[in-house]
Protein backbone atom coordinates (compact mmCIF):
# COMPACT_ATOMS: atom_id res chain seq x y z
CA MET A 1 -45.69 56.29 -18.11
CA SER A 2 -47.50 53.09 -17.65
CA GLU A 3 -49.89 51.74 -20.17
CA ARG A 4 -53.63 52.78 -20.16
CA PRO A 5 -56.09 50.33 -18.48
CA LEU A 6 -57.91 47.99 -20.82
CA HIS A 7 -61.41 49.21 -19.70
CA HIS A 8 -60.74 52.60 -20.78
CA PHE A 9 -60.14 51.62 -24.32
CA VAL A 10 -63.23 49.33 -24.22
CA ILE A 11 -65.50 52.41 -23.06
CA ILE A 12 -63.92 54.67 -25.74
CA SER A 13 -64.44 52.00 -28.40
CA VAL A 14 -68.15 51.63 -27.56
CA LEU A 15 -68.84 55.43 -27.56
CA ALA A 16 -67.07 55.73 -30.85
CA HIS A 17 -69.34 53.00 -32.39
CA VAL A 18 -72.39 54.79 -30.85
CA VAL A 19 -71.36 58.13 -32.39
CA LEU A 20 -70.70 56.46 -35.64
CA GLY A 21 -74.11 54.81 -35.72
CA LEU A 22 -75.73 58.19 -35.13
CA VAL A 23 -73.86 59.93 -37.83
CA LEU A 24 -74.82 57.13 -40.44
CA PHE A 25 -78.51 57.48 -39.40
CA VAL A 26 -78.50 61.16 -39.84
CA SER A 27 -76.80 60.80 -43.28
CA VAL A 28 -79.52 58.34 -44.40
CA GLN A 29 -82.34 60.88 -43.29
CA PHE A 30 -80.79 63.61 -45.49
CA THR A 31 -80.67 61.65 -48.79
CA LYS A 32 -84.37 62.63 -49.71
CA PRO A 33 -84.57 66.43 -50.63
CA ASP A 34 -88.15 66.58 -49.49
CA LYS A 35 -89.20 70.00 -48.11
CA GLN A 36 -91.91 68.52 -45.93
CA ALA A 37 -89.50 66.12 -44.67
CA GLN A 38 -86.84 68.76 -44.06
CA GLN A 39 -89.34 70.87 -42.07
CA VAL A 40 -90.53 67.93 -40.23
CA ASN A 41 -87.03 66.59 -39.49
CA THR A 42 -85.51 69.89 -38.31
CA ALA A 43 -86.03 69.16 -34.67
CA PRO A 44 -84.63 65.74 -34.67
CA ILE A 45 -81.49 66.97 -36.49
CA GLN A 46 -80.88 69.42 -33.80
CA ALA A 47 -81.41 66.84 -31.10
CA VAL A 48 -78.83 64.52 -32.81
CA THR A 49 -76.37 67.41 -32.93
CA VAL A 50 -76.88 68.01 -29.21
CA ASP A 51 -76.21 64.21 -28.52
CA ARG A 52 -72.96 64.32 -30.34
CA LYS A 53 -71.64 67.21 -28.21
CA LEU A 54 -72.82 65.18 -25.16
CA VAL A 55 -70.84 62.35 -26.51
CA GLU A 56 -67.72 64.48 -26.87
CA ARG A 57 -67.95 65.82 -23.46
CA GLN A 58 -68.43 62.30 -22.06
CA LEU A 59 -65.45 61.36 -24.12
CA GLN A 60 -63.46 64.19 -22.89
CA LYS A 61 -64.40 63.34 -19.38
CA LEU A 62 -63.48 59.86 -19.72
CA ASP A 63 -60.06 60.91 -21.29
CA ASP A 64 -59.55 63.29 -18.17
CA GLN A 65 -60.37 60.54 -15.87
CA LYS A 66 -58.22 58.14 -17.85
CA LYS A 67 -55.33 60.68 -17.48
CA ALA A 68 -55.91 61.22 -13.84
CA ALA A 69 -55.92 57.52 -13.26
CA GLU A 70 -52.65 57.24 -15.33
CA ARG A 71 -51.14 60.07 -13.13
CA ALA A 72 -52.20 58.27 -9.95
CA GLU A 73 -50.93 54.86 -11.36
CA GLN A 74 -47.67 56.80 -12.32
CA ARG A 75 -47.50 58.19 -8.69
CA LYS A 76 -47.88 54.75 -7.33
CA LEU A 77 -45.23 53.42 -9.60
CA ASP A 78 -42.91 56.30 -8.65
CA GLU A 79 -43.61 55.60 -4.99
CA LYS A 80 -42.96 52.02 -5.48
CA LYS A 81 -39.74 52.65 -7.18
CA ARG A 82 -38.76 55.13 -4.41
CA LYS A 83 -39.44 52.50 -1.85
CA GLU A 84 -37.62 49.90 -3.87
CA LYS A 85 -34.57 52.08 -4.26
CA ALA A 86 -34.70 53.07 -0.58
CA ALA A 87 -34.82 49.26 0.30
CA GLU A 88 -31.91 48.63 -2.09
CA ASP A 89 -29.93 51.44 -0.71
CA LYS A 90 -30.66 50.13 2.76
CA ARG A 91 -29.64 46.69 1.68
CA LYS A 92 -26.52 47.83 0.11
CA ALA A 93 -25.66 49.99 3.20
CA GLU A 94 -26.32 46.80 5.30
CA ASP A 95 -24.20 44.64 3.15
CA ALA A 96 -21.35 47.33 3.09
CA LYS A 97 -21.60 47.28 6.99
CA ARG A 98 -21.57 43.41 7.17
CA LYS A 99 -18.68 43.39 4.89
CA LYS A 100 -16.86 46.07 6.80
CA GLN A 101 -17.54 44.01 9.99
CA ALA A 102 -16.41 40.76 8.39
CA GLU A 103 -13.19 42.48 7.19
CA GLU A 104 -12.73 43.86 10.68
CA LYS A 105 -13.31 40.45 12.11
CA LYS A 106 -11.01 38.93 9.77
CA ARG A 107 -8.31 41.62 10.43
CA LYS A 108 -8.64 40.87 14.17
CA GLN A 109 -8.51 37.13 13.65
CA ALA A 110 -5.40 37.62 11.36
CA GLU A 111 -3.93 39.75 14.30
CA ARG A 112 -4.80 37.30 16.82
CA LYS A 113 -3.44 34.41 14.68
CA LYS A 114 -0.24 36.33 13.92
CA ALA A 115 0.10 36.95 17.74
CA GLU A 116 -0.52 33.27 18.42
CA GLN A 117 2.15 32.32 15.82
CA GLU A 118 4.55 34.62 17.32
CA ALA A 119 3.86 33.34 20.80
CA LYS A 120 4.24 29.66 19.43
CA LYS A 121 7.47 30.64 17.69
CA ALA A 122 8.83 32.32 20.89
CA LYS A 123 7.84 29.32 22.93
CA ALA A 124 9.35 26.94 20.32
CA LEU A 125 12.54 29.01 20.39
CA ALA A 126 12.59 28.74 24.22
CA ILE A 127 12.07 24.91 23.92
CA LYS A 128 14.80 24.78 21.37
CA LYS A 129 17.14 26.71 23.51
CA GLU A 130 16.49 24.27 26.36
CA LYS A 131 16.91 21.35 24.33
CA ASP A 132 20.20 22.57 22.98
CA ARG A 133 21.34 23.25 26.48
CA LYS A 134 20.28 19.58 27.47
CA ALA A 135 21.88 18.24 24.25
CA LYS A 136 25.20 20.02 25.13
CA GLU A 137 24.98 18.71 28.81
CA GLN A 138 24.45 15.26 27.43
CA GLU A 139 27.31 15.51 24.99
CA ARG A 140 29.49 16.63 27.83
CA LYS A 141 28.43 13.70 30.05
CA LYS A 142 28.82 11.42 27.06
CA ALA A 143 32.23 12.66 26.39
CA GLU A 144 33.17 12.06 30.11
CA GLU A 145 31.56 8.59 29.91
CA ALA A 146 33.54 7.78 26.80
CA ALA A 147 36.78 8.87 28.23
CA LYS A 148 35.91 6.76 31.19
CA LYS A 149 35.10 3.73 29.03
CA VAL A 150 38.26 4.20 27.05
CA GLU A 151 40.26 4.06 30.14
CA GLU A 152 38.37 1.09 31.28
CA GLU A 153 38.91 -0.60 27.95
CA ARG A 154 42.64 -0.01 28.19
CA LYS A 155 42.69 -1.54 31.58
CA LYS A 156 40.68 -4.51 30.41
CA GLN A 157 42.79 -4.98 27.40
CA GLU A 158 45.93 -5.11 29.62
CA VAL A 159 44.44 -7.63 31.84
CA ALA A 160 43.20 -9.47 28.73
CA ARG A 161 46.90 -9.33 27.26
CA ARG A 162 48.30 -10.70 30.39
CA LYS A 163 45.57 -13.57 30.60
CA ALA A 164 46.17 -14.15 26.87
CA GLU A 165 49.89 -14.63 27.47
CA GLU A 166 49.31 -17.04 30.40
CA ALA A 167 46.66 -18.92 28.37
CA ALA A 168 49.17 -19.29 25.50
CA LYS A 169 51.77 -20.61 27.77
CA LYS A 170 49.18 -23.24 29.30
CA LYS A 171 47.89 -24.03 25.69
CA LYS A 172 51.33 -24.74 24.53
CA LEU A 173 51.92 -27.07 27.47
CA GLU A 174 48.53 -28.66 27.02
CA GLU A 175 49.20 -29.18 23.30
CA GLU A 176 52.57 -30.84 24.09
CA ARG A 177 50.87 -33.13 26.69
CA LYS A 178 48.07 -33.90 24.05
CA GLN A 179 50.59 -34.57 21.42
CA LYS A 180 52.37 -37.06 23.55
CA ALA A 181 49.12 -38.52 24.59
CA ALA A 182 47.97 -38.84 21.05
CA GLU A 183 51.14 -40.56 19.90
CA ALA A 184 50.60 -43.01 22.67
CA GLU A 185 46.99 -43.52 21.83
CA LYS A 186 47.86 -43.88 18.12
CA LYS A 187 50.36 -46.74 19.08
CA ARG A 188 47.62 -48.29 21.20
CA LYS A 189 44.97 -48.09 18.38
CA ALA A 190 47.36 -49.36 15.93
CA GLU A 191 48.01 -52.63 18.00
CA ALA A 192 44.29 -52.86 18.71
CA GLU A 193 43.47 -52.62 14.93
CA ARG A 194 46.11 -55.19 14.17
CA LYS A 195 44.54 -57.55 16.91
CA ARG A 196 40.90 -56.96 15.36
CA LYS A 197 41.98 -57.62 11.87
CA GLU A 198 43.51 -60.86 12.99
CA GLU A 199 40.23 -61.70 14.86
CA GLU A 200 38.23 -61.00 11.68
CA ARG A 201 40.38 -63.02 9.62
CA GLN A 202 39.98 -65.96 11.86
CA ARG A 203 36.22 -65.39 12.04
CA ALA A 204 35.94 -65.14 8.45
CA GLU A 205 37.71 -68.49 7.98
CA LEU A 206 35.33 -69.95 10.57
CA GLU A 207 32.38 -68.59 8.71
CA GLN A 208 33.51 -69.87 5.45
CA MET A 209 33.82 -73.27 6.97
CA MET A 210 30.43 -73.08 8.41
CA MET A 211 28.75 -71.99 5.09
CA ALA A 212 30.50 -74.78 3.29
CA GLU A 213 28.96 -77.25 5.84
CA MET A 214 25.57 -75.65 5.51
CA ALA A 215 25.93 -75.79 1.55
CA ALA A 216 26.62 -79.44 2.01
CA GLU A 217 23.58 -79.97 4.11
CA GLN A 218 21.32 -78.05 1.74
CA ALA A 219 22.64 -80.19 -1.10
CA GLN A 220 21.46 -83.27 0.63
CA ILE A 221 17.79 -82.30 0.27
CA SER A 222 16.30 -84.51 -2.46
CA GLU A 223 15.15 -83.10 -5.67
CA GLN A 224 11.91 -84.87 -5.13
CA ARG A 225 11.16 -82.79 -2.17
CA GLN A 226 11.87 -79.54 -3.93
CA GLN A 227 9.46 -80.66 -6.74
CA MET A 228 6.80 -81.51 -4.24
CA ILE A 229 6.93 -78.09 -2.50
CA LEU A 230 6.74 -76.29 -5.74
CA SER A 231 3.86 -78.27 -6.95
CA GLU A 232 2.10 -77.80 -3.56
CA ARG A 233 2.69 -73.89 -3.89
CA ALA A 234 1.14 -73.88 -7.35
CA LYS A 235 -1.86 -75.90 -6.30
CA TYR A 236 -2.64 -73.67 -3.37
CA GLU A 237 -2.10 -70.52 -5.41
CA ALA A 238 -4.77 -71.93 -7.89
CA MET A 239 -7.11 -72.63 -5.00
CA ILE A 240 -6.64 -69.10 -3.60
CA ARG A 241 -7.36 -67.50 -7.00
CA GLN A 242 -10.46 -69.60 -7.51
CA LYS A 243 -11.81 -68.66 -4.11
CA ILE A 244 -11.29 -64.96 -4.71
CA GLN A 245 -12.75 -65.19 -8.27
CA ARG A 246 -15.83 -66.76 -6.74
CA ASN A 247 -16.43 -63.72 -4.61
CA LEU A 248 -15.83 -61.06 -7.39
CA ASN A 249 -18.65 -58.94 -8.75
CA ALA A 250 -17.78 -58.81 -12.32
CA ASP A 251 -20.39 -56.39 -13.45
CA GLY A 252 -19.03 -53.87 -15.75
CA LEU A 253 -15.50 -55.10 -15.07
CA GLN A 254 -15.23 -58.06 -17.74
CA GLY A 255 -11.85 -58.32 -19.16
CA LYS A 256 -10.08 -56.34 -16.57
CA THR A 257 -7.00 -57.63 -14.73
CA CYS A 258 -5.63 -56.77 -11.33
CA ARG A 259 -2.33 -57.78 -9.79
CA ILE A 260 -2.20 -57.79 -5.94
CA TYR A 261 0.24 -58.60 -3.24
CA LEU A 262 -1.05 -60.81 -0.36
CA LYS A 263 0.56 -61.52 2.98
CA LEU A 264 -0.97 -64.44 4.88
CA ALA A 265 -1.00 -65.92 8.36
CA PRO A 266 -1.12 -69.62 9.17
CA GLY A 267 -4.73 -70.64 8.85
CA GLY A 268 -5.36 -68.39 5.85
CA LEU A 269 -6.03 -64.98 7.45
CA VAL A 270 -5.05 -62.01 5.15
CA LEU A 271 -2.53 -59.86 7.14
CA ASP A 272 -2.10 -57.40 4.09
CA VAL A 273 -3.34 -57.05 0.69
CA ARG A 274 -2.16 -54.18 -1.79
CA ARG A 275 -2.82 -53.22 -5.43
CA LEU A 276 0.29 -53.79 -7.54
CA GLU A 277 -0.90 -53.17 -11.04
CA GLY A 278 -4.33 -52.70 -12.81
CA GLU A 279 -7.19 -50.13 -12.80
CA GLN A 280 -8.32 -48.62 -9.48
CA VAL A 281 -11.90 -49.79 -9.81
CA ALA A 282 -10.94 -53.45 -10.72
CA CYS A 283 -8.47 -53.71 -8.06
CA SER A 284 -10.74 -52.13 -5.47
CA GLU A 285 -13.35 -54.90 -6.19
CA THR A 286 -10.58 -57.61 -6.14
CA ILE A 287 -9.52 -56.46 -2.62
CA ARG A 288 -13.07 -56.57 -1.56
CA ALA A 289 -13.34 -60.01 -2.82
CA VAL A 290 -10.10 -61.12 -1.07
CA ARG A 291 -11.59 -59.78 2.31
CA LYS A 292 -14.82 -61.57 1.69
CA ALA A 293 -13.03 -64.93 0.82
CA GLU A 294 -10.86 -65.07 3.78
CA PRO A 295 -9.65 -67.34 5.34
CA LEU A 296 -7.92 -68.41 2.18
CA PRO A 297 -6.78 -72.07 1.75
CA VAL A 298 -3.07 -72.61 2.79
CA SER A 299 -0.97 -75.59 3.36
CA LYS A 300 -0.12 -76.77 6.90
CA ASP A 301 3.25 -77.93 5.69
CA PRO A 302 5.65 -75.30 7.12
CA GLU A 303 7.94 -75.35 4.04
CA VAL A 304 5.03 -75.19 1.64
CA PHE A 305 3.46 -72.31 3.85
CA SER A 306 6.76 -70.29 3.76
CA GLN A 307 6.50 -70.22 0.01
CA LEU A 308 2.71 -69.05 0.26
CA LYS A 309 2.82 -66.51 3.01
CA GLU A 310 3.88 -63.75 0.58
CA ILE A 311 2.68 -63.97 -3.01
CA ASN A 312 1.75 -61.90 -5.86
CA LEU A 313 -1.49 -62.86 -7.82
CA SER A 314 -2.91 -61.78 -11.24
CA LEU A 315 -6.66 -62.13 -11.44
CA ASP A 316 -8.66 -61.85 -14.57
CA ILE A 317 -12.20 -60.77 -14.09
CA ASP A 318 -14.63 -62.72 -16.14
CA ASN A 319 -18.33 -63.33 -16.12
């Protein structure tokens, strides 16, 4: 049974308070034992008594209405539960039906899949049998071809053996011929070598004679000429160094030294300049100064120039 509606309890509570108030009022009126008052108040007391019964009837009527409402509410709940149960039973029946249909579908799919697999197996077996038949046929053909090749190989080997025998005979004859030719060539080369050595000996003797004559001629050059050439070379080296240093930018390079290689052409043009020793920055500035200073001073005397055309110079960078 469901709980009673809230408004029923409110009504009952109000009526109970009214009855309680009336009872208290009557009690107060009876506290004075005055005969006149008793006579006077007889009618009101009866009226109050009548009102209490009316209240009780009203309460009974409300209780009956409440119970009727509760029964109606219970019927509604019962009907609702019946409908919910019917819906639940229907849902379960539909779920069972769907489950059965799904199982039936799954069974049919399994049967169809099994049939397809069996068909595939049968087809695969037929394909395998056909492959086996073809493989056996190919093996038979291969065996026949192998036997044929063996026979052909035997014939080839027989032909090769005969050719090898003929080639061996020819080779032996050729080797004998070559051996005889080699012996003859060896004798010829030995004679030629003997003649060559003789000619070399004679040439060496002639060269020694010529060298002796050239040495004698060189010895005839005066020591004064040699000193003059060396002096001129030193002079022009100093002039070249001075001209290069005049074109040097010494900022930040004071105290640095660079050793360079110079190759000069007649007239003082620089054919080649390379760093030999020294820091990269100092030598780069030195090479720049060389290019800026050309043509460099050189002697017109061929002997002096021959001493200057390739020189190594060390340059100190000063302020």
